[in-house]
C-alpha atoms as a PDB file:
ATOM      1  CA  UNK A   1      27.642 -80.245 -87.112  1.00  0.00           C
ATOM      2  CA  UNK A   2      24.434 -80.311 -89.140  1.00  0.00           C
ATOM      3  CA  UNK A   3      24.812 -80.953 -92.845  1.00  0.00           C
ATOM      4  CA  UNK A   4      21.671 -79.028 -93.758  1.00  0.00           C
ATOM      5  CA  UNK A   5      22.371 -75.407 -94.552  1.00  0.00           C
ATOM      6  CA  UNK A   6      19.888 -72.673 -93.719  1.00  0.00           C
ATOM      7  CA  UNK A   7      18.778 -70.482 -96.612  1.00  0.00           C
ATOM      8  CA  UNK A   8      20.178 -67.404 -94.804  1.00  0.00           C
ATOM      9  CA  UNK A   9      23.685 -68.937 -94.833  1.00  0.00           C
ATOM     10  CA  UNK A  10      23.891 -69.023 -98.637  1.00  0.00           C
ATOM     11  CA  UNK A  11      25.693 -66.199-100.442  1.00  0.00           C
ATOM     12  CA  UNK A  12      23.228 -63.968-102.262  1.00  0.00           C
ATOM     13  CA  UNK A  13      24.567 -63.361-105.773  1.00  0.00           C
ATOM     14  CA  UNK A  14      23.231 -60.262-107.519  1.00  0.00           C
ATOM     15  CA  UNK A  15      24.340 -61.294-111.009  1.00  0.00           C
ATOM     16  CA  UNK A  16      26.541 -63.895-112.678  1.00  0.00           C
ATOM     17  CA  UNK A  17      29.086 -63.132-115.401  1.00  0.00           C
ATOM     18  CA  UNK A  18      29.067 -65.832-118.065  1.00  0.00           C
ATOM     19  CA  UNK A  19      31.221 -66.711-121.052  1.00  0.00           C
ATOM     20  CA  UNK A  20      29.945 -67.031-124.626  1.00  0.00           C
ATOM     21  CA  UNK A  21      28.698 -70.564-123.897  1.00  0.00           C
ATOM     22  CA  UNK A  22      26.750 -69.459-120.825  1.00  0.00           C
ATOM     23  CA  UNK A  23      29.130 -70.989-118.257  1.00  0.00           C
ATOM     24  CA  UNK A  24      29.339 -69.023-114.999  1.00  0.00           C
ATOM     25  CA  UNK A  25      32.746 -67.371-114.683  1.00  0.00           C
ATOM     26  CA  UNK A  26      32.226 -64.785-111.924  1.00  0.00           C
ATOM     27  CA  UNK A  27      29.622 -63.436-109.545  1.00  0.00           C
ATOM     28  CA  UNK A  28      28.617 -59.912-108.640  1.00  0.00           C
ATOM     29  CA  UNK A  29      27.654 -59.282-105.019  1.00  0.00           C
ATOM     30  CA  UNK A  30      26.203 -56.216-103.331  1.00  0.00           C
ATOM     31  CA  UNK A  31      28.744 -54.553-101.033  1.00  0.00           C
ATOM     32  CA  UNK A  32      26.576 -55.368 -98.024  1.00  0.00           C
ATOM     33  CA  UNK A  33      26.611 -59.066 -98.992  1.00  0.00           C
ATOM     34  CA  UNK A  34      30.382 -58.990 -99.537  1.00  0.00           C
ATOM     35  CA  UNK A  35      30.860 -57.521 -96.050  1.00  0.00           C
ATOM     36  CA  UNK A  36      28.631 -60.274 -94.601  1.00  0.00           C
ATOM     37  CA  UNK A  37      30.698 -62.951 -96.339  1.00  0.00           C
ATOM     38  CA  UNK A  38      33.930 -61.354 -95.094  1.00  0.00           C
ATOM     39  CA  UNK A  39      32.599 -61.409 -91.520  1.00  0.00           C
ATOM     40  CA  UNK A  40      31.655 -65.074 -91.898  1.00  0.00           C
ATOM     41  CA  UNK A  41      35.155 -65.888 -93.152  1.00  0.00           C
ATOM     42  CA  UNK A  42      36.705 -64.025 -90.209  1.00  0.00           C
ATOM     43  CA  UNK A  43      34.466 -65.971 -87.828  1.00  0.00           C
ATOM     44  CA  UNK A  44      35.548 -69.245 -89.459  1.00  0.00           C
ATOM     45  CA  UNK A  45      39.211 -68.260 -89.130  1.00  0.00           C
ATOM     46  CA  UNK A  46      38.676 -67.468 -85.438  1.00  0.00           C
ATOM     47  CA  UNK A  47      36.943 -70.807 -84.868  1.00  0.00           C
ATOM     48  CA  UNK A  48      39.785 -72.626 -86.639  1.00  0.00           C
ATOM     49  CA  UNK A  49      42.364 -70.861 -84.440  1.00  0.00           C
ATOM     50  CA  UNK A  50      40.432 -71.876 -81.330  1.00  0.00           C
ATOM     51  CA  UNK A  51      40.151 -75.468 -82.564  1.00  0.00           C
ATOM     52  CA  UNK A  52      43.892 -75.609 -83.267  1.00  0.00           C
ATOM     53  CA  UNK A  53      44.706 -74.440 -79.735  1.00  0.00           C
ATOM     54  CA  UNK A  54      42.193 -76.533 -77.808  1.00  0.00           C
ATOM     55  CA  UNK A  55      44.802 -79.219 -77.053  1.00  0.00           C
ATOM     56  CA  UNK A  56      47.520 -76.771 -75.994  1.00  0.00           C
ATOM     57  CA  UNK A  57      48.666 -76.880 -72.397  1.00  0.00           C
ATOM     58  CA  UNK A  58      47.223 -74.059 -70.307  1.00  0.00           C
ATOM     59  CA  UNK A  59      49.674 -71.434 -69.124  1.00  0.00           C
ATOM     60  CA  UNK A  60      49.253 -68.477 -66.792  1.00  0.00           C
ATOM     61  CA  UNK A  61      49.529 -65.006 -68.236  1.00  0.00           C
ATOM     62  CA  UNK A  62      52.476 -64.200 -65.988  1.00  0.00           C
ATOM     63  CA  UNK A  63      54.423 -67.230 -67.223  1.00  0.00           C
ATOM     64  CA  UNK A  64      53.608 -66.486 -70.864  1.00  0.00           C
ATOM     65  CA  UNK A  65      54.474 -62.807 -70.471  1.00  0.00           C
ATOM     66  CA  UNK A  66      57.765 -63.642 -68.776  1.00  0.00           C
ATOM     67  CA  UNK A  67      58.789 -66.012 -71.580  1.00  0.00           C
ATOM     68  CA  UNK A  68      57.760 -63.500 -74.232  1.00  0.00           C
ATOM     69  CA  UNK A  69      59.735 -60.680 -72.649  1.00  0.00           C
ATOM     70  CA  UNK A  70      62.844 -62.847 -72.331  1.00  0.00           C
ATOM     71  CA  UNK A  71      62.627 -63.785 -76.034  1.00  0.00           C
ATOM     72  CA  UNK A  72      62.404 -60.170 -77.242  1.00  0.00           C
ATOM     73  CA  UNK A  73      65.687 -58.664 -78.306  1.00  0.00           C
ATOM     74  CA  UNK A  74      65.400 -54.919 -77.838  1.00  0.00           C
END
């Protein structure tokens, strides 16, 4: 994975909230930017889930479905 980040991948902050000493304490984002960041986080979560399951043994849908149905207590 490349270590260089594209400019488009950086979060665009509209304004920073600072304390009396000028230290950044919070950031204000446009709603559109917040939605973009949320989508990126969802994509990362999906990629992590895929990575976690890459070593799992493959199983047919029928076998999985059968096991799932037998474990449900209705």
